[in-house]
Every structure is written in C-alpha cells, then in structure tokens.
PDB file of N, CA and C in Angstrom:
ATOM      1  N   MET A   1     108.368 121.413  75.916  1.00  0.00           N
ATOM      2  CA  MET A   1     108.629 120.661  77.006  1.00  0.00           C
ATOM      3  C   MET A   1     107.769 119.267  76.383  1.00  0.00           C
ATOM      4  N   GLU A   2     108.666 118.579  77.186  1.00  0.00           N
ATOM      5  CA  GLU A   2     108.213 117.065  77.296  1.00  0.00           C
ATOM      6  C   GLU A   2     106.907 116.585  77.672  1.00  0.00           C
ATOM      7  N   THR A   3     106.779 115.452  76.977  1.00  0.00           N
ATOM      8  CA  THR A   3     105.384 114.786  77.697  1.00  0.00           C
ATOM      9  C   THR A   3     105.436 114.402  79.055  1.00  0.00           C
ATOM     10  N   GLU A   4     106.601 114.189  79.701  1.00  0.00           N
ATOM     11  CA  GLU A   4     106.781 113.719  81.205  1.00  0.00           C
ATOM     12  C   GLU A   4     106.599 115.127  81.909  1.00  0.00           C
ATOM     13  N   ASP A   5     107.048 116.574  81.557  1.00  0.00           N
ATOM     14  CA  ASP A   5     106.854 117.457  81.830  1.00  0.00           C
ATOM     15  C   ASP A   5     105.464 118.077  82.136  1.00  0.00           C
ATOM     16  N   TRP A   6     104.781 117.677  81.469  1.00  0.00           N
ATOM     17  CA  TRP A   6     103.234 118.208  81.250  1.00  0.00           C
ATOM     18  C   TRP A   6     102.502 116.939  82.283  1.00  0.00           C
ATOM     19  N   LEU A   7     102.809 115.928  82.533  1.00  0.00           N
ATOM     20  CA  LEU A   7     102.137 114.817  83.028  1.00  0.00           C
ATOM     21  C   LEU A   7     102.691 114.529  84.451  1.00  0.00           C
ATOM     22  N   ARG A   8     104.011 115.281  84.792  1.00  0.00           N
ATOM     23  CA  ARG A   8     104.570 115.037  86.215  1.00  0.00           C
ATOM     24  C   ARG A   8     103.961 115.872  87.371  1.00  0.00           C
ATOM     25  N   PRO A   9     103.648 117.123  86.789  1.00  0.00           N
ATOM     26  CA  PRO A   9     102.551 117.884  87.828  1.00  0.00           C
ATOM     27  C   PRO A   9     101.218 117.368  88.524  1.00  0.00           C
ATOM     28  N   LEU A  10     100.777 116.750  87.329  1.00  0.00           N
ATOM     29  CA  LEU A  10      99.535 116.006  87.331  1.00  0.00           C
ATOM     30  C   LEU A  10      99.492 114.740  88.184  1.00  0.00           C
ATOM     31  N   ARG A  11     100.350 114.188  87.980  1.00  0.00           N
ATOM     32  CA  ARG A  11     100.516 113.276  88.670  1.00  0.00           C
ATOM     33  C   ARG A  11     100.932 113.197  90.560  1.00  0.00           C
ATOM     34  N   GLU A  12     101.893 113.973  90.525  1.00  0.00           N
ATOM     35  CA  GLU A  12     102.139 114.573  91.663  1.00  0.00           C
ATOM     36  C   GLU A  12     100.854 114.840  92.574  1.00  0.00           C
ATOM     37  N   ARG A  13      99.982 115.324  91.780  1.00  0.00           N
ATOM     38  CA  ARG A  13      98.512 116.040  92.893  1.00  0.00           C
ATOM     39  C   ARG A  13      97.684 114.846  92.602  1.00  0.00           C
ATOM     40  N   GLY A  14      97.800 114.069  91.985  1.00  0.00           N
ATOM     41  CA  GLY A  14      96.373 112.987  91.734  1.00  0.00           C
ATOM     42  C   GLY A  14      95.720 113.445  91.132  1.00  0.00           C
ATOM     43  N   LEU A  15      96.036 114.094  89.789  1.00  0.00           N
ATOM     44  CA  LEU A  15      95.047 114.708  89.066  1.00  0.00           C
ATOM     45  C   LEU A  15      94.812 113.796  87.873  1.00  0.00           C
ATOM     46  N   ILE A  16      95.402 112.759  87.563  1.00  0.00           N
ATOM     47  CA  ILE A  16      95.239 112.137  86.610  1.00  0.00           C
ATOM     48  C   ILE A  16      94.856 110.748  86.784  1.00  0.00           C
ATOM     49  N   PRO A  17      93.353 110.661  86.768  1.00  0.00           N
ATOM     50  CA  PRO A  17      92.424 109.343  86.596  1.00  0.00           C
ATOM     51  C   PRO A  17      92.921 107.858  86.565  1.00  0.00           C
ATOM     52  N   ASP A  18      92.780 106.722  87.211  1.00  0.00           N
ATOM     53  CA  ASP A  18      93.248 105.581  86.910  1.00  0.00           C
ATOM     54  C   ASP A  18      92.415 105.398  85.538  1.00  0.00           C
ATOM     55  N   ASP A  19      91.526 105.683  84.953  1.00  0.00           N
ATOM     56  CA  ASP A  19      90.721 105.013  83.981  1.00  0.00           C
ATOM     57  C   ASP A  19      91.006 106.329  82.919  1.00  0.00           C
ATOM     58  N   VAL A  20      92.161 106.774  82.685  1.00  0.00           N
ATOM     59  CA  VAL A  20      92.154 108.186  81.655  1.00  0.00           C
ATOM     60  C   VAL A  20      92.346 107.633  80.132  1.00  0.00           C
ATOM     61  N   LEU A  21      91.808 108.154  79.374  1.00  0.00           N
ATOM     62  CA  LEU A  21      91.711 107.793  77.915  1.00  0.00           C
ATOM     63  C   LEU A  21      92.494 108.621  77.330  1.00  0.00           C
ATOM     64  N   ALA A  22      92.389 110.077  77.456  1.00  0.00           N
ATOM     65  CA  ALA A  22      93.439 110.793  76.704  1.00  0.00           C
ATOM     66  C   ALA A  22      93.892 111.838  77.721  1.00  0.00           C
ATOM     67  N   ALA A  23      95.010 112.184  77.617  1.00  0.00           N
ATOM     68  CA  ALA A  23      95.208 113.808  78.394  1.00  0.00           C
ATOM     69  C   ALA A  23      95.991 114.479  77.241  1.00  0.00           C
ATOM     70  N   PHE A  24      95.616 115.810  77.270  1.00  0.00           N
ATOM     71  CA  PHE A  24      96.204 116.379  76.031  1.00  0.00           C
ATOM     72  C   PHE A  24      96.098 118.095  76.523  1.00  0.00           C
ATOM     73  N   VAL A  25      97.539 118.980  76.014  1.00  0.00           N
ATOM     74  CA  VAL A  25      97.447 120.188  76.066  1.00  0.00           C
ATOM     75  C   VAL A  25      96.792 120.980  75.320  1.00  0.00           C
ATOM     76  N   VAL A  26      96.071 122.076  75.430  1.00  0.00           N
ATOM     77  CA  VAL A  26      95.200 122.813  74.758  1.00  0.00           C
ATOM     78  C   VAL A  26      95.623 124.645  75.117  1.00  0.00           C
ATOM     79  N   GLY A  27      94.935 125.337  73.984  1.00  0.00           N
ATOM     80  CA  GLY A  27      95.320 126.781  74.491  1.00  0.00           C
ATOM     81  C   GLY A  27      96.810 127.223  74.009  1.00  0.00           C
ATOM     82  N   SER A  28      97.053 128.404  74.310  1.00  0.00           N
ATOM     83  CA  SER A  28      98.195 128.844  73.834  1.00  0.00           C
ATOM     84  C   SER A  28      99.957 127.659  73.576  1.00  0.00           C
ATOM     85  N   ALA A  29      99.718 127.320  74.650  1.00  0.00           N
ATOM     86  CA  ALA A  29     100.730 126.404  74.817  1.00  0.00           C
ATOM     87  C   ALA A  29     101.039 125.376  73.646  1.00  0.00           C
ATOM     88  N   ALA A  30      99.731 124.784  73.747  1.00  0.00           N
ATOM     89  CA  ALA A  30      99.679 124.080  72.766  1.00  0.00           C
ATOM     90  C   ALA A  30      99.978 124.147  71.206  1.00  0.00           C
ATOM     91  N   ARG A  31      99.893 125.440  70.949  1.00  0.00           N
ATOM     92  CA  ARG A  31     100.086 126.143  69.526  1.00  0.00           C
ATOM     93  C   ARG A  31     101.500 126.625  69.758  1.00  0.00           C
ATOM     94  N   GLY A  32     102.139 126.741  70.851  1.00  0.00           N
ATOM     95  CA  GLY A  32     103.850 127.224  70.873  1.00  0.00           C
ATOM     96  C   GLY A  32     103.475 128.832  70.586  1.00  0.00           C
ATOM     97  N   TRP A  33     102.264 129.372  71.272  1.00  0.00           N
ATOM     98  CA  TRP A  33     102.225 130.824  71.255  1.00  0.00           C
ATOM     99  C   TRP A  33     102.510 131.445  72.592  1.00  0.00           C
ATOM    100  N   HIS A  34     102.358 130.860  73.694  1.00  0.00           N
ATOM    101  CA  HIS A  34     102.534 130.998  75.143  1.00  0.00           C
ATOM    102  C   HIS A  34     103.791 131.457  75.405  1.00  0.00           C
ATOM    103  N   ASN A  35     103.813 132.387  76.282  1.00  0.00           N
ATOM    104  CA  ASN A  35     104.992 133.359  76.820  1.00  0.00           C
ATOM    105  C   ASN A  35     104.993 133.141  78.049  1.00  0.00           C
ATOM    106  N   SER A  36     105.562 133.736  79.156  1.00  0.00           N
ATOM    107  CA  SER A  36     106.112 133.734  80.170  1.00  0.00           C
ATOM    108  C   SER A  36     104.622 133.972  81.473  1.00  0.00           C
ATOM    109  N   ARG A  37     103.392 134.477  80.619  1.00  0.00           N
ATOM    110  CA  ARG A  37     102.368 135.119  81.729  1.00  0.00           C
ATOM    111  C   ARG A  37     101.583 134.055  81.221  1.00  0.00           C
ATOM    112  N   SER A  38     101.665 133.176  80.548  1.00  0.00           N
ATOM    113  CA  SER A  38     100.506 132.218  79.898  1.00  0.00           C
ATOM    114  C   SER A  38     100.111 131.101  80.973  1.00  0.00           C
ATOM    115  N   ASP A  39      99.108 130.708  81.231  1.00  0.00           N
ATOM    116  CA  ASP A  39      98.613 129.536  81.876  1.00  0.00           C
ATOM    117  C   ASP A  39      98.912 128.343  81.038  1.00  0.00           C
ATOM    118  N   PHE A  40      98.788 127.130  81.492  1.00  0.00           N
ATOM    119  CA  PHE A  40      98.750 126.017  80.568  1.00  0.00           C
ATOM    120  C   PHE A  40      97.446 125.187  81.089  1.00  0.00           C
ATOM    121  N   ASP A  41      96.550 124.715  79.568  1.00  0.00           N
ATOM    122  CA  ASP A  41      95.393 124.212  80.061  1.00  0.00           C
ATOM    123  C   ASP A  41      95.575 123.138  79.677  1.00  0.00           C
ATOM    124  N   ILE A  42      95.351 121.757  80.510  1.00  0.00           N
ATOM    125  CA  ILE A  42      95.153 120.423  79.993  1.00  0.00           C
ATOM    126  C   ILE A  42      93.884 119.934  80.127  1.00  0.00           C
ATOM    127  N   TYR A  43      93.141 118.986  79.151  1.00  0.00           N
ATOM    128  CA  TYR A  43      91.970 118.388  78.849  1.00  0.00           C
ATOM    129  C   TYR A  43      92.363 117.044  79.185  1.00  0.00           C
ATOM    130  N   VAL A  44      91.378 116.502  80.398  1.00  0.00           N
ATOM    131  CA  VAL A  44      91.813 114.555  80.539  1.00  0.00           C
ATOM    132  C   VAL A  44      90.475 114.650  79.899  1.00  0.00           C
ATOM    133  N   VAL A  45      90.340 113.295  79.321  1.00  0.00           N
ATOM    134  CA  VAL A  45      89.148 112.613  79.274  1.00  0.00           C
ATOM    135  C   VAL A  45      88.739 110.874  79.621  1.00  0.00           C
ATOM    136  N   SER A  46      88.492 111.268  79.809  1.00  0.00           N
ATOM    137  CA  SER A  46      87.809 109.379  80.967  1.00  0.00           C
ATOM    138  C   SER A  46      86.287 108.975  81.261  1.00  0.00           C
ATOM    139  N   PRO A  47      86.215 107.696  81.444  1.00  0.00           N
ATOM    140  CA  PRO A  47      84.799 107.290  81.000  1.00  0.00           C
ATOM    141  C   PRO A  47      84.287 107.744  82.360  1.00  0.00           C
ATOM    142  N   SER A  48      85.008 108.184  83.346  1.00  0.00           N
ATOM    143  CA  SER A  48      83.969 108.187  84.625  1.00  0.00           C
ATOM    144  C   SER A  48      83.922 109.543  85.489  1.00  0.00           C
ATOM    145  N   ASP A  49      82.854 110.350  86.049  1.00  0.00           N
ATOM    146  CA  ASP A  49      82.940 111.904  86.668  1.00  0.00           C
ATOM    147  C   ASP A  49      84.059 111.786  87.503  1.00  0.00           C
ATOM    148  N   ARG A  50      84.887 112.757  87.589  1.00  0.00           N
ATOM    149  CA  ARG A  50      85.795 113.006  88.654  1.00  0.00           C
ATOM    150  C   ARG A  50      85.393 114.253  89.268  1.00  0.00           C
ATOM    151  N   GLU A  51      85.297 113.773  90.741  1.00  0.00           N
ATOM    152  CA  GLU A  51      85.026 115.047  91.823  1.00  0.00           C
ATOM    153  C   GLU A  51      85.455 114.716  92.894  1.00  0.00           C
ATOM    154  N   SER A  52      86.060 115.747  93.439  1.00  0.00           N
ATOM    155  CA  SER A  52      87.233 116.222  94.584  1.00  0.00           C
ATOM    156  C   SER A  52      86.308 117.410  95.255  1.00  0.00           C
ATOM    157  N   GLU A  53      87.127 117.910  96.257  1.00  0.00           N
ATOM    158  CA  GLU A  53      86.653 118.881  97.217  1.00  0.00           C
ATOM    159  C   GLU A  53      87.086 120.245  96.569  1.00  0.00           C
ATOM    160  N   SER A  54      88.165 119.904  95.761  1.00  0.00           N
ATOM    161  CA  SER A  54      88.966 121.189  95.515  1.00  0.00           C
ATOM    162  C   SER A  54      88.447 121.364  93.580  1.00  0.00           C
ATOM    163  N   SER A  55      87.817 120.745  93.185  1.00  0.00           N
ATOM    164  CA  SER A  55      87.382 120.512  91.633  1.00  0.00           C
ATOM    165  C   SER A  55      86.073 121.914  91.830  1.00  0.00           C
ATOM    166  N   ARG A  56      85.924 122.457  90.705  1.00  0.00           N
ATOM    167  CA  ARG A  56      84.629 123.295  90.400  1.00  0.00           C
ATOM    168  C   ARG A  56      84.116 122.498  89.233  1.00  0.00           C
ATOM    169  N   SER A  57      82.637 122.655  89.020  1.00  0.00           N
ATOM    170  CA  SER A  57      81.920 121.992  88.210  1.00  0.00           C
ATOM    171  C   SER A  57      81.504 123.105  87.188  1.00  0.00           C
ATOM    172  N   ILE A  58      81.651 123.330  86.208  1.00  0.00           N
ATOM    173  CA  ILE A  58      81.036 123.834  85.088  1.00  0.00           C
ATOM    174  C   ILE A  58      79.867 123.843  84.399  1.00  0.00           C
ATOM    175  N   SER A  59      78.753 124.359  84.318  1.00  0.00           N
ATOM    176  CA  SER A  59      77.899 124.139  83.549  1.00  0.00           C
ATOM    177  C   SER A  59      78.082 124.073  82.044  1.00  0.00           C
ATOM    178  N   MET A  60      77.280 122.972  81.624  1.00  0.00           N
ATOM    179  CA  MET A  60      77.560 122.974  80.042  1.00  0.00           C
ATOM    180  C   MET A  60      76.150 122.302  79.392  1.00  0.00           C
ATOM    181  N   PRO A  61      76.038 122.767  78.186  1.00  0.00           N
ATOM    182  CA  PRO A  61      75.110 121.938  77.590  1.00  0.00           C
ATOM    183  C   PRO A  61      74.956 120.574  77.206  1.00  0.00           C
ATOM    184  N   LEU A  62      75.782 119.513  78.180  1.00  0.00           N
ATOM    185  CA  LEU A  62      75.960 118.230  78.266  1.00  0.00           C
ATOM    186  C   LEU A  62      75.085 117.193  78.219  1.00  0.00           C
ATOM    187  N   ASN A  63      75.487 116.613  78.292  1.00  0.00           N
ATOM    188  CA  ASN A  63      74.865 115.201  79.030  1.00  0.00           C
ATOM    189  C   ASN A  63      75.972 114.148  79.670  1.00  0.00           C
ATOM    190  N   PRO A  64      76.357 114.412  81.164  1.00  0.00           N
ATOM    191  CA  PRO A  64      75.533 115.066  82.112  1.00  0.00           C
ATOM    192  C   PRO A  64      75.648 116.464  81.614  1.00  0.00           C
ATOM    193  N   PRO A  65      75.347 117.409  82.513  1.00  0.00           N
ATOM    194  CA  PRO A  65      75.350 118.899  81.953  1.00  0.00           C
ATOM    195  C   PRO A  65      76.646 119.939  82.683  1.00  0.00           C
ATOM    196  N   HIS A  66      77.681 119.272  82.677  1.00  0.00           N
ATOM    197  CA  HIS A  66      78.777 119.565  83.343  1.00  0.00           C
ATOM    198  C   HIS A  66      80.187 119.363  83.003  1.00  0.00           C
ATOM    199  N   ILE A  67      80.995 119.731  83.239  1.00  0.00           N
ATOM    200  CA  ILE A  67      82.662 119.157  83.377  1.00  0.00           C
ATOM    201  C   ILE A  67      83.211 119.798  84.820  1.00  0.00           C
ATOM    202  N   ARG A  68      84.240 119.081  84.980  1.00  0.00           N
ATOM    203  CA  ARG A  68      84.806 119.375  86.322  1.00  0.00           C
ATOM    204  C   ARG A  68      86.233 120.088  85.878  1.00  0.00           C
ATOM    205  N   SER A  69      86.807 120.756  86.938  1.00  0.00           N
ATOM    206  CA  SER A  69      87.891 121.916  86.613  1.00  0.00           C
ATOM    207  C   SER A  69      88.609 121.561  88.210  1.00  0.00           C
ATOM    208  N   GLU A  70      90.237 121.530  87.896  1.00  0.00           N
ATOM    209  CA  GLU A  70      90.811 122.256  88.892  1.00  0.00           C
ATOM    210  C   GLU A  70      91.891 122.676  88.291  1.00  0.00           C
ATOM    211  N   MET A  71      92.396 123.568  89.474  1.00  0.00           N
ATOM    212  CA  MET A  71      93.771 124.494  89.411  1.00  0.00           C
ATOM    213  C   MET A  71      94.543 124.786  90.329  1.00  0.00           C
ATOM    214  N   PHE A  72      96.092 124.900  89.702  1.00  0.00           N
ATOM    215  CA  PHE A  72      96.872 124.585  90.360  1.00  0.00           C
ATOM    216  C   PHE A  72      98.033 125.625  90.280  1.00  0.00           C
ATOM    217  N   TYR A  73      98.998 125.875  91.016  1.00  0.00           N
ATOM    218  CA  TYR A  73      99.970 126.588  90.420  1.00  0.00           C
ATOM    219  C   TYR A  73     101.638 125.950  90.565  1.00  0.00           C
ATOM    220  N   GLU A  74     102.399 125.947  89.893  1.00  0.00           N
ATOM    221  CA  GLU A  74     103.597 125.052  89.451  1.00  0.00           C
ATOM    222  C   GLU A  74     104.890 125.929  89.169  1.00  0.00           C
ATOM    223  N   ASP A  75     105.421 126.272  89.743  1.00  0.00           N
ATOM    224  CA  ASP A  75     106.454 127.394  89.543  1.00  0.00           C
ATOM    225  C   ASP A  75     106.120 128.689  89.047  1.00  0.00           C
ATOM    226  N   ALA A  76     105.027 129.203  90.098  1.00  0.00           N
ATOM    227  CA  ALA A  76     104.269 130.497  89.844  1.00  0.00           C
ATOM    228  C   ALA A  76     103.720 130.451  88.459  1.00  0.00           C
ATOM    229  N   ARG A  77     103.591 129.335  88.026  1.00  0.00           N
ATOM    230  CA  ARG A  77     102.532 129.292  86.808  1.00  0.00           C
ATOM    231  C   ARG A  77     100.865 128.548  86.684  1.00  0.00           C
ATOM    232  N   ARG A  78     100.111 129.312  86.464  1.00  0.00           N
ATOM    233  CA  ARG A  78      98.664 128.803  86.564  1.00  0.00           C
ATOM    234  C   ARG A  78      98.402 127.647  85.465  1.00  0.00           C
ATOM    235  N   TRP A  79      98.027 126.497  86.507  1.00  0.00           N
ATOM    236  CA  TRP A  79      97.452 125.182  85.586  1.00  0.00           C
ATOM    237  C   TRP A  79      96.100 125.374  86.114  1.00  0.00           C
ATOM    238  N   GLU A  80      95.313 124.841  84.713  1.00  0.00           N
ATOM    239  CA  GLU A  80      93.913 124.623  84.783  1.00  0.00           C
ATOM    240  C   GLU A  80      93.659 123.141  83.887  1.00  0.00           C
ATOM    241  N   VAL A  81      93.082 122.170  84.412  1.00  0.00           N
ATOM    242  CA  VAL A  81      92.785 120.916  84.318  1.00  0.00           C
ATOM    243  C   VAL A  81      91.358 120.707  83.843  1.00  0.00           C
ATOM    244  N   THR A  82      90.946 120.446  83.053  1.00  0.00           N
ATOM    245  CA  THR A  82      89.643 120.139  82.707  1.00  0.00           C
ATOM    246  C   THR A  82      89.125 119.061  82.545  1.00  0.00           C
ATOM    247  N   TYR A  83      87.939 118.148  83.079  1.00  0.00           N
ATOM    248  CA  TYR A  83      88.177 116.953  82.996  1.00  0.00           C
ATOM    249  C   TYR A  83      86.312 116.676  81.929  1.00  0.00           C
ATOM    250  N   TRP A  84      86.750 116.020  81.302  1.00  0.00           N
ATOM    251  CA  TRP A  84      85.853 115.496  80.286  1.00  0.00           C
ATOM    252  C   TRP A  84      85.365 114.140  79.953  1.00  0.00           C
ATOM    253  N   LEU A  85      84.102 114.068  80.111  1.00  0.00           N
ATOM    254  CA  LEU A  85      83.951 112.414  79.928  1.00  0.00           C
ATOM    255  C   LEU A  85      83.771 111.864  78.677  1.00  0.00           C
ATOM    256  N   ASP A  86      84.537 111.086  78.371  1.00  0.00           N
ATOM    257  CA  ASP A  86      84.164 110.164  76.838  1.00  0.00           C
ATOM    258  C   ASP A  86      83.157 110.200  76.161  1.00  0.00           C
ATOM    259  N   ALA A  87      82.191 110.134  76.950  1.00  0.00           N
ATOM    260  CA  ALA A  87      80.483 110.340  76.132  1.00  0.00           C
ATOM    261  C   ALA A  87      79.954 111.822  75.799  1.00  0.00           C
ATOM    262  N   GLN A  88      81.019 112.858  76.091  1.00  0.00           N
ATOM    263  CA  GLN A  88      80.444 114.519  75.950  1.00  0.00           C
ATOM    264  C   GLN A  88      81.402 115.016  74.693  1.00  0.00           C
ATOM    265  N   ILE A  89      82.480 113.953  74.763  1.00  0.00           N
ATOM    266  CA  ILE A  89      82.976 114.206  73.275  1.00  0.00           C
ATOM    267  C   ILE A  89      82.872 113.737  72.052  1.00  0.00           C
TER     268      ILE A  89
END
C-alpha cells in the first residue's frame, strides 16, 4: 500500500489531529507479514491528548498514565489507531 492508502481512511474519519508529528504503521502490515485476516495498526504521535466519544483509554505506566485508541472497519478489515503523546515516547 502507498502512504495515501494508509492516510485516506484516517483523514476521512477525522482521526489525524491537526498537530500530528508522526503517523506510522506497526505490526504485521509494517513487516510485510499481514494476510487477508490481519488488522491494520497505526500509531499517531502528537503533542496534545486526543479524546473523543468513540475513543477508549488504555492504562499505561506513563505520564499521563494512558494512551487513546480508536477502532474502525474499512473494506471488512479492522483498523486500530493508537494515539501517543510526544512526551510519552
């Protein structure tokens, strides 16, 4: 997949914050090991916390002590977008 193929579904759903510093694919798709049943995992890094009605908070031993995650389906494939603050990495 090309970069725009990864970013388009995120942009269409408003999942890329205006202050994004980086967005990258992780997991099996990043390694080229994915198959038709694999999900797509995207990490987004920004300086500000992103919270929405559809996001879930995941407790982590970080400061602040959580990361946020959004999940959606595109073409019958599950996508998970995880948001990290730049201070957490």
